[in-house]
Amino acid sequence: MKPSAYSPATSAVMEKMVSECFDKDYVAVVTGGRKENAALLEKKFDFVFFTGSQNVGKEVLRHTAETLTPAVLELGGKSPCIVDDTAKLKLAAKRIVFGKFINCGQTCVAPDFILCQKSVKDEFISGLKAEILQQYGENPLENPDFGKIINEKHFERLCGLMDKNKVVWGGGFNRHTNQIAPTIMDNVSWEDAVMQEEIFGPILPVLTYDSFEEVFGMLADKPKPLALYLFSEDKGHVEQVTSRLRYGGGCINDVIIHLATSEMGFGGVGESGMGSYHGKEGFDAFSHTKSIVDKKTWMDLPMRYQSYNRGLYGKLLRMFLR
């Protein structure tokens, strides 16, 4: 196990727990940064499981390809959250605020951006604002249950994604604690900085569409996301989204909850990863099914052997093949 160098305290806890439960011959934890990562990737393993960014995932796959080592990659991406004009907007806002801002948006399946039908956008954004107030209070940066960004590097990256002219809620931050308040951006375009990379933070851009068919054109040429969410009471819209768009997994009228079940596999597709895990899927991912035929010796049919055109068995074989 090689935990992230960005979270040394968590890595230390993992190392302590694993060392108390397992002998190092069976399970070992390696801590450190890029040097240790590079050294591990030079080793020959039977199987590699990696979760993290797409850039590092490419490096992992490049190294495993050299030794033909199978790998499961869970990589993330910009997961869309679609809201149409039939959605129960108040409930949608409540669930989206929960899923987006939990752990300050630092989860691989957080809704990355909203695609909202233009006719209900204003009402929906009002609902988002009300829910942020309800769940985090008037000053989230003073809320002890609201976390912080993992490090200064990513704090600065996220601050650079916010366009003050498009922030309609939040936008506050604290450099001393690496905290950014839950933030909503409106009138966002695909060209904005916030739409050029996975956000992985408490910033929620809102884009709009007029007719539902536009959604498919907007997402058709985008990288396949790890998750996709749809809030709708229209069964036709649900059917179209689940059948016409490619993504790792997701929810209808909810967010991130599909990650919590062990009854079905979880994983990405295309740019968001490969392979699946959780529950039995996880057991299968780390296993190889060895196929074996135990052939008995008390009888051996001669028709399997050359020459096929002689004797009674040759005639029978030709008869069956006609």
C-alpha atoms as a PDB file:
ATOM      1  CA  MET A   1       0.000   0.000   0.000  1.00  0.00           C
ATOM      2  CA  LYS A   2       1.318   3.432  -0.970  1.00  0.00           C
ATOM      3  CA  PRO A   3      -0.832   6.246   0.491  1.00  0.00           C
ATOM      4  CA  SER A   4      -0.622   9.809  -0.784  1.00  0.00           C
ATOM      5  CA  ALA A   5       2.225  12.054   0.327  1.00  0.00           C
ATOM      6  CA  TYR A   6      -0.321  14.906   0.493  1.00  0.00           C
ATOM      7  CA  SER A   7      -1.893  13.400   3.641  1.00  0.00           C
ATOM      8  CA  PRO A   8       0.994  12.373   5.933  1.00  0.00           C
ATOM      9  CA  ALA A   9      -1.159  12.198   9.074  1.00  0.00           C
ATOM     10  CA  THR A  10      -3.606   9.802   7.437  1.00  0.00           C
ATOM     11  CA  SER A  11      -0.712   7.810   5.991  1.00  0.00           C
ATOM     12  CA  ALA A  12       0.779   7.442   9.477  1.00  0.00           C
ATOM     13  CA  VAL A  13      -2.516   6.158  10.862  1.00  0.00           C
ATOM     14  CA  MET A  14      -2.833   3.644   8.008  1.00  0.00           C
ATOM     15  CA  GLU A  15       0.722   2.440   8.539  1.00  0.00           C
ATOM     16  CA  LYS A  16       0.118   1.969  12.278  1.00  0.00           C
ATOM     17  CA  MET A  17      -3.154   0.074  11.783  1.00  0.00           C
ATOM     18  CA  VAL A  18      -1.819  -2.206   9.060  1.00  0.00           C
ATOM     19  CA  SER A  19       1.392  -3.025  10.930  1.00  0.00           C
ATOM     20  CA  GLU A  20      -0.659  -3.975  14.004  1.00  0.00           C
ATOM     21  CA  CYS A  21      -2.909  -6.300  12.001  1.00  0.00           C
ATOM     22  CA  PHE A  22      -0.597  -7.873   9.400  1.00  0.00           C
ATOM     23  CA  ASP A  23       2.916  -9.179   9.074  1.00  0.00           C
ATOM     24  CA  LYS A  24       4.901  -7.163   6.510  1.00  0.00           C
ATOM     25  CA  ASP A  25       5.339 -10.324   4.440  1.00  0.00           C
ATOM     26  CA  TYR A  26       1.613 -10.102   3.692  1.00  0.00           C
ATOM     27  CA  VAL A  27       0.714  -6.392   3.796  1.00  0.00           C
ATOM     28  CA  ALA A  28       3.211  -3.532   3.821  1.00  0.00           C
ATOM     29  CA  VAL A  29       2.695   0.223   3.805  1.00  0.00           C
ATOM     30  CA  VAL A  30       5.246   2.400   1.987  1.00  0.00           C
ATOM     31  CA  THR A  31       5.180   6.111   2.804  1.00  0.00           C
ATOM     32  CA  GLY A  32       6.960   8.935   1.029  1.00  0.00           C
ATOM     33  CA  GLY A  33       6.669  10.986  -2.137  1.00  0.00           C
ATOM     34  CA  ARG A  34       7.682  10.845  -5.791  1.00  0.00           C
ATOM     35  CA  LYS A  35      10.940   9.010  -5.143  1.00  0.00           C
ATOM     36  CA  GLU A  36       9.102   6.151  -3.448  1.00  0.00           C
ATOM     37  CA  ASN A  37       6.398   6.172  -6.122  1.00  0.00           C
ATOM     38  CA  ALA A  38       8.996   5.856  -8.873  1.00  0.00           C
ATOM     39  CA  ALA A  39      10.808   3.042  -7.051  1.00  0.00           C
ATOM     40  CA  LEU A  40       7.584   1.073  -6.594  1.00  0.00           C
ATOM     41  CA  LEU A  41       6.640   1.450 -10.250  1.00  0.00           C
ATOM     42  CA  GLU A  42       9.927  -0.154 -11.249  1.00  0.00           C
ATOM     43  CA  LYS A  43       9.011  -3.315  -9.331  1.00  0.00           C
ATOM     44  CA  LYS A  44       7.220  -6.288 -10.893  1.00  0.00           C
ATOM     45  CA  PHE A  45       3.844  -6.919  -9.267  1.00  0.00           C
ATOM     46  CA  ASP A  46       1.090  -9.397 -10.094  1.00  0.00           C
ATOM     47  CA  PHE A  47      -1.543  -6.654 -10.041  1.00  0.00           C
ATOM     48  CA  VAL A  48      -1.693  -2.890  -9.448  1.00  0.00           C
ATOM     49  CA  PHE A  49      -4.660  -0.913  -8.125  1.00  0.00           C
ATOM     50  CA  PHE A  50      -4.407   2.870  -8.344  1.00  0.00           C
ATOM     51  CA  THR A  51      -6.772   5.688  -7.460  1.00  0.00           C
ATOM     52  CA  GLY A  52      -5.816   9.299  -8.102  1.00  0.00           C
ATOM     53  CA  SER A  53      -5.368  11.810 -10.895  1.00  0.00           C
ATOM     54  CA  GLN A  54      -5.444  11.066 -14.612  1.00  0.00           C
ATOM     55  CA  ASN A  55      -1.852  12.271 -15.083  1.00  0.00           C
ATOM     56  CA  VAL A  56      -0.471   9.905 -12.454  1.00  0.00           C
ATOM     57  CA  GLY A  57      -2.769   7.146 -13.730  1.00  0.00           C
ATOM     58  CA  LYS A  58      -1.119   7.428 -17.146  1.00  0.00           C
ATOM     59  CA  GLU A  59       2.298   7.025 -15.523  1.00  0.00           C
ATOM     60  CA  VAL A  60       1.119   3.957 -13.611  1.00  0.00           C
ATOM     61  CA  LEU A  61      -0.296   2.360 -16.754  1.00  0.00           C
ATOM     62  CA  ARG A  62       2.838   3.205 -18.745  1.00  0.00           C
ATOM     63  CA  HIS A  63       5.001   1.339 -16.209  1.00  0.00           C
ATOM     64  CA  THR A  64       2.667  -1.632 -15.792  1.00  0.00           C
ATOM     65  CA  ALA A  65       2.523  -2.025 -19.578  1.00  0.00           C
ATOM     66  CA  GLU A  66       6.280  -2.648 -19.606  1.00  0.00           C
ATOM     67  CA  THR A  67       5.800  -5.793 -17.517  1.00  0.00           C
ATOM     68  CA  LEU A  68       2.301  -6.673 -18.814  1.00  0.00           C
ATOM     69  CA  THR A  69       0.939  -6.233 -15.295  1.00  0.00           C
ATOM     70  CA  PRO A  70      -2.869  -5.908 -15.071  1.00  0.00           C
ATOM     71  CA  ALA A  71      -4.170  -2.760 -13.394  1.00  0.00           C
ATOM     72  CA  VAL A  72      -7.367  -1.173 -12.128  1.00  0.00           C
ATOM     73  CA  LEU A  73      -7.391   2.628 -12.376  1.00  0.00           C
ATOM     74  CA  GLU A  74      -9.980   4.830 -10.683  1.00  0.00           C
ATOM     75  CA  LEU A  75      -9.235   8.363 -11.863  1.00  0.00           C
ATOM     76  CA  GLY A  76     -12.146  10.781 -11.522  1.00  0.00           C
ATOM     77  CA  GLY A  77     -12.826  13.656 -13.910  1.00  0.00           C
ATOM     78  CA  LYS A  78     -15.450  16.362 -14.353  1.00  0.00           C
ATOM     79  CA  SER A  79     -18.657  14.634 -13.257  1.00  0.00           C
ATOM     80  CA  PRO A  80     -21.764  16.431 -14.593  1.00  0.00           C
ATOM     81  CA  CYS A  81     -24.958  16.939 -12.614  1.00  0.00           C
ATOM     82  CA  ILE A  82     -27.950  17.508 -14.903  1.00  0.00           C
ATOM     83  CA  VAL A  83     -31.086  19.245 -13.605  1.00  0.00           C
ATOM     84  CA  ASP A  84     -34.148  19.469 -15.866  1.00  0.00           C
ATOM     85  CA  ASP A  85     -37.388  21.425 -15.537  1.00  0.00           C
ATOM     86  CA  THR A  86     -39.277  18.461 -14.047  1.00  0.00           C
ATOM     87  CA  ALA A  87     -36.897  18.002 -11.109  1.00  0.00           C
ATOM     88  CA  LYS A  88     -37.986  18.544  -7.515  1.00  0.00           C
ATOM     89  CA  LEU A  89     -35.694  21.537  -7.168  1.00  0.00           C
ATOM     90  CA  LYS A  90     -35.679  21.944  -3.386  1.00  0.00           C
ATOM     91  CA  LEU A  91     -34.771  18.288  -2.840  1.00  0.00           C
ATOM     92  CA  ALA A  92     -32.249  18.411  -5.674  1.00  0.00           C
ATOM     93  CA  ALA A  93     -30.535  21.413  -4.098  1.00  0.00           C
ATOM     94  CA  LYS A  94     -30.375  19.712  -0.698  1.00  0.00           C
ATOM     95  CA  ARG A  95     -28.808  16.536  -2.057  1.00  0.00           C
ATOM     96  CA  ILE A  96     -26.408  18.334  -4.378  1.00  0.00           C
ATOM     97  CA  VAL A  97     -25.134  20.629  -1.603  1.00  0.00           C
ATOM     98  CA  PHE A  98     -24.556  17.572   0.568  1.00  0.00           C
ATOM     99  CA  GLY A  99     -22.683  15.675  -2.160  1.00  0.00           C
ATOM    100  CA  LYS A 100     -20.705  18.600  -3.548  1.00  0.00           C
ATOM    101  CA  PHE A 101     -19.389  20.124  -0.326  1.00  0.00           C
ATOM    102  CA  ILE A 102     -18.773  17.049   1.805  1.00  0.00           C
ATOM    103  CA  ASN A 103     -15.026  17.003   2.571  1.00  0.00           C
ATOM    104  CA  CYS A 104     -14.869  20.422   0.859  1.00  0.00           C
ATOM    105  CA  GLY A 105     -15.596  18.833  -2.501  1.00  0.00           C
ATOM    106  CA  GLN A 106     -12.483  16.672  -2.296  1.00  0.00           C
ATOM    107  CA  THR A 107     -14.082  13.401  -3.375  1.00  0.00           C
ATOM    108  CA  CYS A 108     -13.647  11.738  -6.754  1.00  0.00           C
ATOM    109  CA  VAL A 109     -17.409  11.475  -7.327  1.00  0.00           C
ATOM    110  CA  ALA A 110     -18.438  14.978  -6.228  1.00  0.00           C
ATOM    111  CA  PRO A 111     -20.718  16.739  -8.736  1.00  0.00           C
ATOM    112  CA  ASP A 112     -18.166  18.826 -10.625  1.00  0.00           C
ATOM    113  CA  PHE A 113     -20.562  21.155 -12.407  1.00  0.00           C
ATOM    114  CA  ILE A 114     -24.281  21.703 -12.939  1.00  0.00           C
ATOM    115  CA  LEU A 115     -26.069  21.555 -16.285  1.00  0.00           C
ATOM    116  CA  CYS A 116     -29.398  23.192 -15.469  1.00  0.00           C
ATOM    117  CA  GLN A 117     -32.362  23.850 -17.746  1.00  0.00           C
ATOM    118  CA  LYS A 118     -32.422  27.601 -18.211  1.00  0.00           C
ATOM    119  CA  SER A 119     -36.097  27.982 -17.333  1.00  0.00           C
ATOM    120  CA  VAL A 120     -35.531  26.778 -13.736  1.00  0.00           C
ATOM    121  CA  LYS A 121     -31.965  28.021 -13.156  1.00  0.00           C
ATOM    122  CA  ASP A 122     -32.801  31.007 -10.959  1.00  0.00           C
ATOM    123  CA  GLU A 123     -35.106  28.980  -8.723  1.00  0.00           C
ATOM    124  CA  PHE A 124     -32.540  26.201  -8.492  1.00  0.00           C
ATOM    125  CA  ILE A 125     -29.681  28.551  -7.543  1.00  0.00           C
ATOM    126  CA  SER A 126     -31.882  30.109  -4.866  1.00  0.00           C
ATOM    127  CA  GLY A 127     -32.409  26.606  -3.512  1.00  0.00           C
ATOM    128  CA  LEU A 128     -28.646  25.955  -3.483  1.00  0.00           C
ATOM    129  CA  LYS A 129     -28.039  29.154  -1.503  1.00  0.00           C
ATOM    130  CA  ALA A 130     -30.732  28.265   1.031  1.00  0.00           C
ATOM    131  CA  GLU A 131     -29.285  24.779   1.496  1.00  0.00           C
ATOM    132  CA  ILE A 132     -25.732  26.040   2.021  1.00  0.00           C
ATOM    133  CA  LEU A 133     -27.075  28.321   4.742  1.00  0.00           C
ATOM    134  CA  GLN A 134     -29.040  25.462   6.258  1.00  0.00           C
ATOM    135  CA  GLN A 135     -26.193  22.932   6.199  1.00  0.00           C
ATOM    136  CA  TYR A 136     -23.155  25.141   6.897  1.00  0.00           C
ATOM    137  CA  GLY A 137     -24.471  28.352   8.457  1.00  0.00           C
ATOM    138  CA  GLU A 138     -23.863  31.986   7.583  1.00  0.00           C
ATOM    139  CA  ASN A 139     -20.099  31.667   8.018  1.00  0.00           C
ATOM    140  CA  PRO A 140     -18.965  28.206   6.904  1.00  0.00           C
ATOM    141  CA  LEU A 141     -15.299  29.096   7.519  1.00  0.00           C
ATOM    142  CA  GLU A 142     -16.078  29.204  11.248  1.00  0.00           C
ATOM    143  CA  ASN A 143     -18.097  25.984  11.165  1.00  0.00           C
ATOM    144  CA  PRO A 144     -16.077  23.235  12.930  1.00  0.00           C
ATOM    145  CA  ASP A 145     -17.707  20.621  10.702  1.00  0.00           C
ATOM    146  CA  PHE A 146     -16.468  22.279   7.504  1.00  0.00           C
ATOM    147  CA  GLY A 147     -13.023  21.045   6.515  1.00  0.00           C
ATOM    148  CA  LYS A 148     -10.106  22.534   4.631  1.00  0.00           C
ATOM    149  CA  ILE A 149      -8.205  22.019   1.389  1.00  0.00           C
ATOM    150  CA  ILE A 150      -5.564  19.289   1.623  1.00  0.00           C
ATOM    151  CA  ASN A 151      -2.560  21.599   1.131  1.00  0.00           C
ATOM    152  CA  GLU A 152      -1.466  25.066   0.066  1.00  0.00           C
ATOM    153  CA  LYS A 153      -0.735  24.006  -3.518  1.00  0.00           C
ATOM    154  CA  HIS A 154      -4.319  22.901  -4.134  1.00  0.00           C
ATOM    155  CA  PHE A 155      -5.698  25.851  -2.157  1.00  0.00           C
ATOM    156  CA  GLU A 156      -3.938  28.237  -4.543  1.00  0.00           C
ATOM    157  CA  ARG A 157      -5.036  26.172  -7.554  1.00  0.00           C
ATOM    158  CA  LEU A 158      -8.688  26.409  -6.490  1.00  0.00           C
ATOM    159  CA  CYS A 159      -8.487  30.151  -5.806  1.00  0.00           C
ATOM    160  CA  GLY A 160      -7.207  30.535  -9.355  1.00  0.00           C
ATOM    161  CA  LEU A 161     -10.312  28.785 -10.733  1.00  0.00           C
ATOM    162  CA  MET A 162     -12.744  31.300  -9.197  1.00  0.00           C
ATOM    163  CA  ASP A 163     -13.868  34.199 -11.372  1.00  0.00           C
ATOM    164  CA  LYS A 164     -15.061  36.874  -8.911  1.00  0.00           C
ATOM    165  CA  ASN A 165     -17.329  38.340 -11.568  1.00  0.00           C
ATOM    166  CA  LYS A 166     -19.244  35.073 -11.779  1.00  0.00           C
ATOM    167  CA  VAL A 167     -19.406  34.172  -8.079  1.00  0.00           C
ATOM    168  CA  VAL A 168     -23.011  34.530  -6.906  1.00  0.00           C
ATOM    169  CA  TRP A 169     -22.550  32.879  -3.524  1.00  0.00           C
ATOM    170  CA  GLY A 170     -19.570  32.312  -1.251  1.00  0.00           C
ATOM    171  CA  GLY A 171     -16.129  32.998  -2.668  1.00  0.00           C
ATOM    172  CA  GLY A 172     -14.615  33.632   0.767  1.00  0.00           C
ATOM    173  CA  PHE A 173     -11.374  31.958   1.841  1.00  0.00           C
ATOM    174  CA  ASN A 174      -8.814  31.858   4.644  1.00  0.00           C
ATOM    175  CA  ARG A 175      -5.173  31.478   3.574  1.00  0.00           C
ATOM    176  CA  HIS A 176      -4.038  30.667   7.103  1.00  0.00           C
ATOM    177  CA  THR A 177      -6.258  27.579   7.299  1.00  0.00           C
ATOM    178  CA  ASN A 178      -6.438  26.673   3.573  1.00  0.00           C
ATOM    179  CA  GLN A 179     -10.225  27.016   3.693  1.00  0.00           C
ATOM    180  CA  ILE A 180     -12.565  28.035   0.883  1.00  0.00           C
ATOM    181  CA  ALA A 181     -16.242  28.655   1.575  1.00  0.00           C
ATOM    182  CA  PRO A 182     -18.918  26.791  -0.449  1.00  0.00           C
ATOM    183  CA  THR A 183     -19.033  28.782  -3.669  1.00  0.00           C
ATOM    184  CA  ILE A 184     -21.532  28.977  -6.533  1.00  0.00           C
ATOM    185  CA  MET A 185     -20.579  30.423  -9.922  1.00  0.00           C
ATOM    186  CA  ASP A 186     -23.263  31.422 -12.445  1.00  0.00           C
ATOM    187  CA  ASN A 187     -23.172  32.280 -16.162  1.00  0.00           C
ATOM    188  CA  VAL A 188     -20.199  29.948 -16.596  1.00  0.00           C
ATOM    189  CA  SER A 189     -19.019  28.950 -20.078  1.00  0.00           C
ATOM    190  CA  TRP A 190     -17.080  25.907 -21.246  1.00  0.00           C
ATOM    191  CA  GLU A 191     -14.085  28.180 -21.867  1.00  0.00           C
ATOM    192  CA  ASP A 192     -13.788  29.385 -18.261  1.00  0.00           C
ATOM    193  CA  ALA A 193     -10.798  28.235 -16.189  1.00  0.00           C
ATOM    194  CA  VAL A 194     -13.076  26.374 -13.789  1.00  0.00           C
ATOM    195  CA  MET A 195     -14.214  24.123 -16.655  1.00  0.00           C
ATOM    196  CA  GLN A 196     -10.714  23.149 -17.857  1.00  0.00           C
ATOM    197  CA  GLU A 197      -9.892  20.624 -15.092  1.00  0.00           C
ATOM    198  CA  GLU A 198     -11.462  18.546 -12.356  1.00  0.00           C
ATOM    199  CA  ILE A 199     -12.274  21.019  -9.578  1.00  0.00           C
ATOM    200  CA  PHE A 200     -11.888  18.735  -6.531  1.00  0.00           C
ATOM    201  CA  GLY A 201     -12.930  21.523  -4.214  1.00  0.00           C
ATOM    202  CA  PRO A 202     -15.941  23.508  -2.908  1.00  0.00           C
ATOM    203  CA  ILE A 203     -16.639  25.445  -6.119  1.00  0.00           C
ATOM    204  CA  LEU A 204     -19.831  24.683  -8.051  1.00  0.00           C
ATOM    205  CA  PRO A 205     -20.176  26.182 -11.567  1.00  0.00           C
ATOM    206  CA  VAL A 206     -23.644  26.363 -13.133  1.00  0.00           C
ATOM    207  CA  LEU A 207     -24.080  26.081 -16.900  1.00  0.00           C
ATOM    208  CA  THR A 208     -27.430  26.057 -18.710  1.00  0.00           C
ATOM    209  CA  TYR A 209     -29.234  24.538 -21.686  1.00  0.00           C
ATOM    210  CA  ASP A 210     -32.554  25.296 -23.346  1.00  0.00           C
ATOM    211  CA  SER A 211     -33.818  21.930 -24.608  1.00  0.00           C
ATOM    212  CA  PHE A 212     -32.879  18.569 -23.092  1.00  0.00           C
ATOM    213  CA  GLU A 213     -31.466  17.313 -26.393  1.00  0.00           C
ATOM    214  CA  GLU A 214     -28.713  19.942 -26.116  1.00  0.00           C
ATOM    215  CA  VAL A 215     -27.244  18.062 -23.147  1.00  0.00           C
ATOM    216  CA  PHE A 216     -26.070  15.198 -25.340  1.00  0.00           C
ATOM    217  CA  GLY A 217     -24.304  17.505 -27.767  1.00  0.00           C
ATOM    218  CA  MET A 218     -22.622  19.361 -24.895  1.00  0.00           C
ATOM    219  CA  LEU A 219     -21.262  16.176 -23.333  1.00  0.00           C
ATOM    220  CA  ALA A 220     -20.607  14.086 -26.451  1.00  0.00           C
ATOM    221  CA  ASP A 221     -17.026  15.233 -27.013  1.00  0.00           C
ATOM    222  CA  LYS A 222     -16.088  15.615 -23.341  1.00  0.00           C
ATOM    223  CA  PRO A 223     -13.926  13.024 -21.528  1.00  0.00           C
ATOM    224  CA  LYS A 224     -16.013  10.224 -20.022  1.00  0.00           C
ATOM    225  CA  PRO A 225     -16.569  11.065 -16.341  1.00  0.00           C
ATOM    226  CA  LEU A 226     -16.323   8.769 -13.335  1.00  0.00           C
ATOM    227  CA  ALA A 227     -19.857   9.758 -12.281  1.00  0.00           C
ATOM    228  CA  LEU A 228     -22.927  11.413 -13.768  1.00  0.00           C
ATOM    229  CA  TYR A 229     -26.060  12.569 -11.968  1.00  0.00           C
ATOM    230  CA  LEU A 230     -29.530  13.407 -13.228  1.00  0.00           C
ATOM    231  CA  PHE A 231     -32.346  15.106 -11.337  1.00  0.00           C
ATOM    232  CA  SER A 232     -35.573  14.557 -13.240  1.00  0.00           C
ATOM    233  CA  GLU A 233     -39.107  13.208 -12.917  1.00  0.00           C
ATOM    234  CA  ASP A 234     -39.219  12.512 -16.653  1.00  0.00           C
ATOM    235  CA  LYS A 235     -38.751   8.775 -17.291  1.00  0.00           C
ATOM    236  CA  GLY A 236     -37.889   9.482 -20.922  1.00  0.00           C
ATOM    237  CA  HIS A 237     -35.039  11.742 -19.873  1.00  0.00           C
ATOM    238  CA  VAL A 238     -33.767   9.093 -17.462  1.00  0.00           C
ATOM    239  CA  GLU A 239     -33.817   6.474 -20.209  1.00  0.00           C
ATOM    240  CA  GLN A 240     -31.979   8.741 -22.649  1.00  0.00           C
ATOM    241  CA  VAL A 241     -29.224   9.674 -20.203  1.00  0.00           C
ATOM    242  CA  THR A 242     -28.571   6.108 -19.069  1.00  0.00           C
ATOM    243  CA  SER A 243     -28.532   4.737 -22.618  1.00  0.00           C
ATOM    244  CA  ARG A 244     -26.882   7.503 -24.651  1.00  0.00           C
ATOM    245  CA  LEU A 245     -24.098   8.779 -22.377  1.00  0.00           C
ATOM    246  CA  ARG A 246     -20.993   6.857 -21.257  1.00  0.00           C
ATOM    247  CA  TYR A 247     -19.754   7.281 -17.688  1.00  0.00           C
ATOM    248  CA  GLY A 248     -18.520   5.126 -14.838  1.00  0.00           C
ATOM    249  CA  GLY A 249     -21.696   5.135 -12.743  1.00  0.00           C
ATOM    250  CA  GLY A 250     -24.024   7.521 -10.981  1.00  0.00           C
ATOM    251  CA  CYS A 251     -27.433   8.259  -9.529  1.00  0.00           C
ATOM    252  CA  ILE A 252     -30.887   9.369 -10.558  1.00  0.00           C
ATOM    253  CA  ASN A 253     -32.222  12.076  -8.209  1.00  0.00           C
ATOM    254  CA  ASP A 254     -29.257  11.750  -5.869  1.00  0.00           C
ATOM    255  CA  VAL A 255     -25.472  12.118  -5.811  1.00  0.00           C
ATOM    256  CA  ILE A 256     -22.444  10.060  -4.650  1.00  0.00           C
ATOM    257  CA  ILE A 257     -24.596   7.425  -2.874  1.00  0.00           C
ATOM    258  CA  HIS A 258     -23.809   4.782  -5.509  1.00  0.00           C
ATOM    259  CA  LEU A 259     -20.270   4.779  -4.104  1.00  0.00           C
ATOM    260  CA  ALA A 260     -21.539   3.566  -0.728  1.00  0.00           C
ATOM    261  CA  THR A 261     -23.071   0.253  -1.792  1.00  0.00           C
ATOM    262  CA  SER A 262     -21.140  -2.997  -1.919  1.00  0.00           C
ATOM    263  CA  GLU A 263     -23.879  -4.651  -3.970  1.00  0.00           C
ATOM    264  CA  MET A 264     -22.568  -3.325  -7.284  1.00  0.00           C
ATOM    265  CA  GLY A 265     -19.214  -2.498  -8.805  1.00  0.00           C
ATOM    266  CA  PHE A 266     -17.698   0.963  -8.875  1.00  0.00           C
ATOM    267  CA  GLY A 267     -15.219   2.240 -11.440  1.00  0.00           C
ATOM    268  CA  GLY A 268     -14.551   4.498 -14.381  1.00  0.00           C
ATOM    269  CA  VAL A 269     -14.543   4.173 -18.143  1.00  0.00           C
ATOM    270  CA  GLY A 270     -12.238   5.733 -20.719  1.00  0.00           C
ATOM    271  CA  GLU A 271     -10.490   8.779 -19.269  1.00  0.00           C
ATOM    272  CA  SER A 272     -11.998   8.196 -15.822  1.00  0.00           C
ATOM    273  CA  GLY A 273     -10.393   4.785 -15.378  1.00  0.00           C
ATOM    274  CA  MET A 274     -10.677   1.093 -16.047  1.00  0.00           C
ATOM    275  CA  GLY A 275     -11.816  -1.895 -14.029  1.00  0.00           C
ATOM    276  CA  SER A 276     -14.244  -2.091 -11.147  1.00  0.00           C
ATOM    277  CA  TYR A 277     -14.235  -2.816  -7.429  1.00  0.00           C
ATOM    278  CA  HIS A 278     -16.377  -2.841  -4.234  1.00  0.00           C
ATOM    279  CA  GLY A 279     -18.003  -5.988  -2.839  1.00  0.00           C
ATOM    280  CA  LYS A 280     -17.634  -9.083  -4.985  1.00  0.00           C
ATOM    281  CA  GLU A 281     -16.405  -6.933  -7.860  1.00  0.00           C
ATOM    282  CA  GLY A 282     -13.444  -5.951  -5.703  1.00  0.00           C
ATOM    283  CA  PHE A 283     -12.700  -9.570  -4.804  1.00  0.00           C
ATOM    284  CA  ASP A 284     -12.826 -10.498  -8.480  1.00  0.00           C
ATOM    285  CA  ALA A 285     -10.576  -7.569  -9.428  1.00  0.00           C
ATOM    286  CA  PHE A 286      -7.834  -8.854  -7.137  1.00  0.00           C
ATOM    287  CA  SER A 287      -8.305 -12.475  -8.207  1.00  0.00           C
ATOM    288  CA  HIS A 288      -7.439 -14.622 -11.194  1.00  0.00           C
ATOM    289  CA  THR A 289      -9.835 -17.380 -12.175  1.00  0.00           C
ATOM    290  CA  LYS A 290      -7.668 -20.368 -13.036  1.00  0.00           C
ATOM    291  CA  SER A 291      -9.406 -22.669 -15.523  1.00  0.00           C
ATOM    292  CA  ILE A 292      -8.430 -26.351 -15.256  1.00  0.00           C
ATOM    293  CA  VAL A 293      -9.636 -29.489 -17.057  1.00  0.00           C
ATOM    294  CA  ASP A 294      -9.070 -32.727 -15.115  1.00  0.00           C
ATOM    295  CA  LYS A 295      -9.135 -35.256 -17.964  1.00  0.00           C
ATOM    296  CA  LYS A 296      -9.937 -38.861 -17.082  1.00  0.00           C
ATOM    297  CA  THR A 297      -7.746 -41.695 -18.396  1.00  0.00           C
ATOM    298  CA  TRP A 298     -10.106 -44.661 -18.481  1.00  0.00           C
ATOM    299  CA  MET A 299     -11.293 -43.828 -22.002  1.00  0.00           C
ATOM    300  CA  ASP A 300      -9.638 -42.122 -24.953  1.00  0.00           C
ATOM    301  CA  LEU A 301     -11.639 -41.518 -28.142  1.00  0.00           C
ATOM    302  CA  PRO A 302      -9.458 -42.109 -31.238  1.00  0.00           C
ATOM    303  CA  MET A 303     -11.497 -39.752 -33.434  1.00  0.00           C
ATOM    304  CA  ARG A 304      -9.636 -36.759 -31.988  1.00  0.00           C
ATOM    305  CA  TYR A 305      -6.359 -37.895 -33.523  1.00  0.00           C
ATOM    306  CA  GLN A 306      -5.013 -37.917 -37.078  1.00  0.00           C
ATOM    307  CA  SER A 307      -5.724 -39.340 -39.576  1.00  0.00           C
ATOM    308  CA  TYR A 308      -9.344 -38.254 -39.714  1.00  0.00           C
ATOM    309  CA  ASN A 309     -10.289 -40.008 -42.929  1.00  0.00           C
ATOM    310  CA  ARG A 310      -9.683 -43.634 -42.006  1.00  0.00           C
ATOM    311  CA  GLY A 311     -11.741 -46.368 -40.453  1.00  0.00           C
ATOM    312  CA  LEU A 312     -15.138 -46.308 -38.773  1.00  0.00           C
ATOM    313  CA  TYR A 313     -14.366 -43.230 -36.642  1.00  0.00           C
ATOM    314  CA  GLY A 314     -13.385 -41.308 -39.771  1.00  0.00           C
ATOM    315  CA  LYS A 315     -16.738 -42.110 -41.376  1.00  0.00           C
ATOM    316  CA  LEU A 316     -18.615 -41.123 -38.205  1.00  0.00           C
ATOM    317  CA  LEU A 317     -16.698 -37.874 -37.957  1.00  0.00           C
ATOM    318  CA  ARG A 318     -17.445 -36.938 -41.553  1.00  0.00           C
ATOM    319  CA  MET A 319     -21.093 -37.823 -41.026  1.00  0.00           C
ATOM    320  CA  PHE A 320     -21.393 -35.474 -38.019  1.00  0.00           C
ATOM    321  CA  LEU A 321     -19.634 -32.685 -39.843  1.00  0.00           C
ATOM    322  CA  ARG A 322     -21.972 -32.706 -42.854  1.00  0.00           C
END
